[in-house]
Protein backbone atom coordinates (compact mmCIF):
# COMPACT_ATOMS: atom_id res chain seq x y z
CA UNK A 1 -56.05 77.17 16.24
CA UNK A 2 -52.78 75.84 14.61
CA UNK A 3 -52.71 75.97 10.83
CA UNK A 4 -51.02 73.00 9.16
CA UNK A 5 -49.66 73.43 5.65
CA UNK A 6 -47.62 71.30 3.22
CA UNK A 7 -44.03 72.44 2.89
CA UNK A 8 -43.00 71.98 -0.74
CA UNK A 9 -39.52 73.51 -0.25
CA UNK A 10 -37.92 70.98 2.10
CA UNK A 11 -34.83 73.21 2.65
CA UNK A 12 -37.28 75.30 4.88
CA UNK A 13 -37.78 72.25 7.05
CA UNK A 14 -34.18 71.05 7.18
CA UNK A 15 -33.13 72.63 10.44
CA UNK A 16 -35.95 70.86 12.33
CA UNK A 17 -35.66 67.61 10.34
CA UNK A 18 -31.92 67.45 11.02
CA UNK A 19 -32.48 67.42 14.80
CA UNK A 20 -33.68 63.78 14.37
CA UNK A 21 -30.68 62.76 12.28
CA UNK A 22 -27.65 64.29 13.89
CA UNK A 23 -25.44 61.24 13.01
CA UNK A 24 -25.84 61.61 9.27
CA UNK A 25 -23.34 63.71 7.40
CA UNK A 26 -24.52 66.33 4.98
CA UNK A 27 -23.99 64.25 1.87
CA UNK A 28 -25.77 61.20 3.23
CA UNK A 29 -28.66 63.23 4.59
CA UNK A 30 -29.06 65.09 1.23
CA UNK A 31 -28.98 61.82 -0.74
CA UNK A 32 -31.52 60.19 1.51
CA UNK A 33 -33.78 63.16 1.49
CA UNK A 34 -33.76 63.13 -2.32
CA UNK A 35 -34.54 59.38 -2.38
CA UNK A 36 -37.25 59.79 0.18
CA UNK A 37 -38.98 62.44 -1.89
CA UNK A 38 -38.76 60.27 -4.97
CA UNK A 39 -40.67 57.66 -2.97
CA UNK A 40 -43.42 59.99 -1.87
CA UNK A 41 -41.98 61.67 1.24
CA UNK A 42 -44.00 64.80 2.04
CA UNK A 43 -43.60 67.31 4.83
CA UNK A 44 -46.33 69.10 6.70
CA UNK A 45 -45.54 72.10 8.93
CA UNK A 46 -46.81 74.57 11.28
CA UNK A 47 -45.40 78.10 10.75
CA UNK A 48 -45.43 81.48 12.29
CA UNK A 49 -44.65 83.92 9.50
CA UNK A 50 -41.50 82.53 7.79
CA UNK A 51 -40.50 80.41 10.79
CA UNK A 52 -41.38 76.73 10.97
CA UNK A 53 -42.41 75.70 14.54
CA UNK A 54 -42.97 71.98 13.81
CA UNK A 55 -42.82 69.51 10.98
CA UNK A 56 -44.12 66.06 10.22
CA UNK A 57 -42.65 64.02 7.32
CA UNK A 58 -44.65 61.06 6.01
CA UNK A 59 -45.11 58.68 3.08
CA UNK A 60 -47.83 56.24 2.19
CA UNK A 61 -46.61 52.66 2.06
CA UNK A 62 -48.09 49.19 1.64
CA UNK A 63 -46.96 45.98 3.17
CA UNK A 64 -48.52 42.54 3.91
CA UNK A 65 -48.74 43.05 7.69
CA UNK A 66 -50.20 46.56 7.82
CA UNK A 67 -51.87 47.08 4.47
CA UNK A 68 -51.89 50.69 3.27
CA UNK A 69 -50.23 52.83 5.87
CA UNK A 70 -49.37 56.46 6.36
CA UNK A 71 -45.86 56.09 7.79
CA UNK A 72 -44.61 58.99 9.88
CA UNK A 73 -40.81 59.22 9.28
CA UNK A 74 -40.25 62.44 11.24
CA UNK A 75 -42.22 64.55 13.80
CA UNK A 76 -40.31 67.37 15.27
CA UNK A 77 -41.54 70.37 17.37
CA UNK A 78 -39.07 73.12 18.21
CA UNK A 79 -38.16 72.20 21.78
CA UNK A 80 -38.99 75.67 23.11
CA UNK A 81 -42.47 75.33 21.73
CA UNK A 82 -43.44 71.83 22.86
CA UNK A 83 -46.83 71.58 24.64
CA UNK A 84 -48.38 74.27 22.37
CA UNK A 85 -50.48 71.85 20.36
CA UNK A 86 -48.33 71.96 17.26
CA UNK A 87 -47.49 68.24 17.29
CA UNK A 88 -51.10 67.26 17.96
CA UNK A 89 -52.28 69.43 14.99
CA UNK A 90 -49.69 67.71 12.76
CA UNK A 91 -50.93 64.30 13.84
CA UNK A 92 -54.52 65.26 13.26
CA UNK A 93 -53.62 66.44 9.73
CA UNK A 94 -51.83 63.24 9.04
CA UNK A 95 -54.86 61.28 10.26
CA UNK A 96 -57.10 63.27 7.85
CA UNK A 97 -54.72 62.57 4.93
CA UNK A 98 -54.58 58.82 5.88
CA UNK A 99 -58.34 58.67 6.06
CA UNK A 100 -58.73 60.39 2.70
CA UNK A 101 -56.15 58.04 1.20
CA UNK A 102 -58.15 55.06 2.61
CA UNK A 103 -55.19 53.87 4.75
CA UNK A 104 -55.55 51.12 7.19
CA UNK A 105 -53.15 52.48 9.79
CA UNK A 106 -50.90 55.33 10.75
CA UNK A 107 -47.56 53.96 11.95
CA UNK A 108 -44.22 55.33 13.16
CA UNK A 109 -41.08 54.18 15.03
CA UNK A 110 -39.67 56.01 18.04
CA UNK A 111 -36.37 55.55 19.80
CA UNK A 112 -36.57 53.39 22.90
CA UNK A 113 -35.32 56.22 25.21
CA UNK A 114 -37.71 58.88 23.94
CA UNK A 115 -40.14 58.54 26.85
CA UNK A 116 -41.73 61.98 26.41
CA UNK A 117 -42.40 61.24 22.75
CA UNK A 118 -44.02 57.99 23.69
CA UNK A 119 -46.29 59.67 26.20
CA UNK A 120 -47.23 62.24 23.53
CA UNK A 121 -48.03 59.47 20.96
CA UNK A 122 -50.15 57.58 23.49
CA UNK A 123 -52.00 60.74 24.46
CA UNK A 124 -52.93 61.13 20.72
CA UNK A 125 -54.23 57.61 20.31
CA UNK A 126 -51.22 55.62 19.07
CA UNK A 127 -50.21 52.50 20.95
CA UNK A 128 -47.04 50.66 21.26
CA UNK A 129 -47.22 47.38 19.28
CA UNK A 130 -43.80 45.99 18.61
CA UNK A 131 -40.15 46.49 19.04
CA UNK A 132 -38.20 47.32 15.85
CA UNK A 133 -34.99 45.34 15.11
CA UNK A 134 -32.40 46.51 12.61
CA UNK A 135 -29.21 45.09 11.05
CA UNK A 136 -27.09 47.88 9.62
CA UNK A 137 -25.56 46.82 6.27
CA UNK A 138 -23.89 50.12 5.23
CA UNK A 139 -22.64 52.69 7.78
CA UNK A 140 -25.39 54.77 9.40
């Protein structure tokens, strides 16, 4: 059984979290992480001793289309440990948090070329719904 815990010291999760944001320089990453935390960003993790094996960063949002939503910003499992149930345990924990918070949905975005991730999400009950469009206004 995989034990999921909240990670209050986000520096512990940084190595895994940064794998999803390689284009961000250190200053931008640090500033965005600080802002995210100020807006409710929370990280769950699976650990073995002092080593984090997987992390899931989320926040609870509200918008007109989706209502109250647990939005998964980040889900990363150490590449050497994928397939061990850690990602599924994190999604299950996120689902329990969303249900306790009376959310209407769990939502996330995933890069178009991340086919393995898409299969993982679909296996765990998430379905593709839309294509995200962005217009960069400031750098990355």
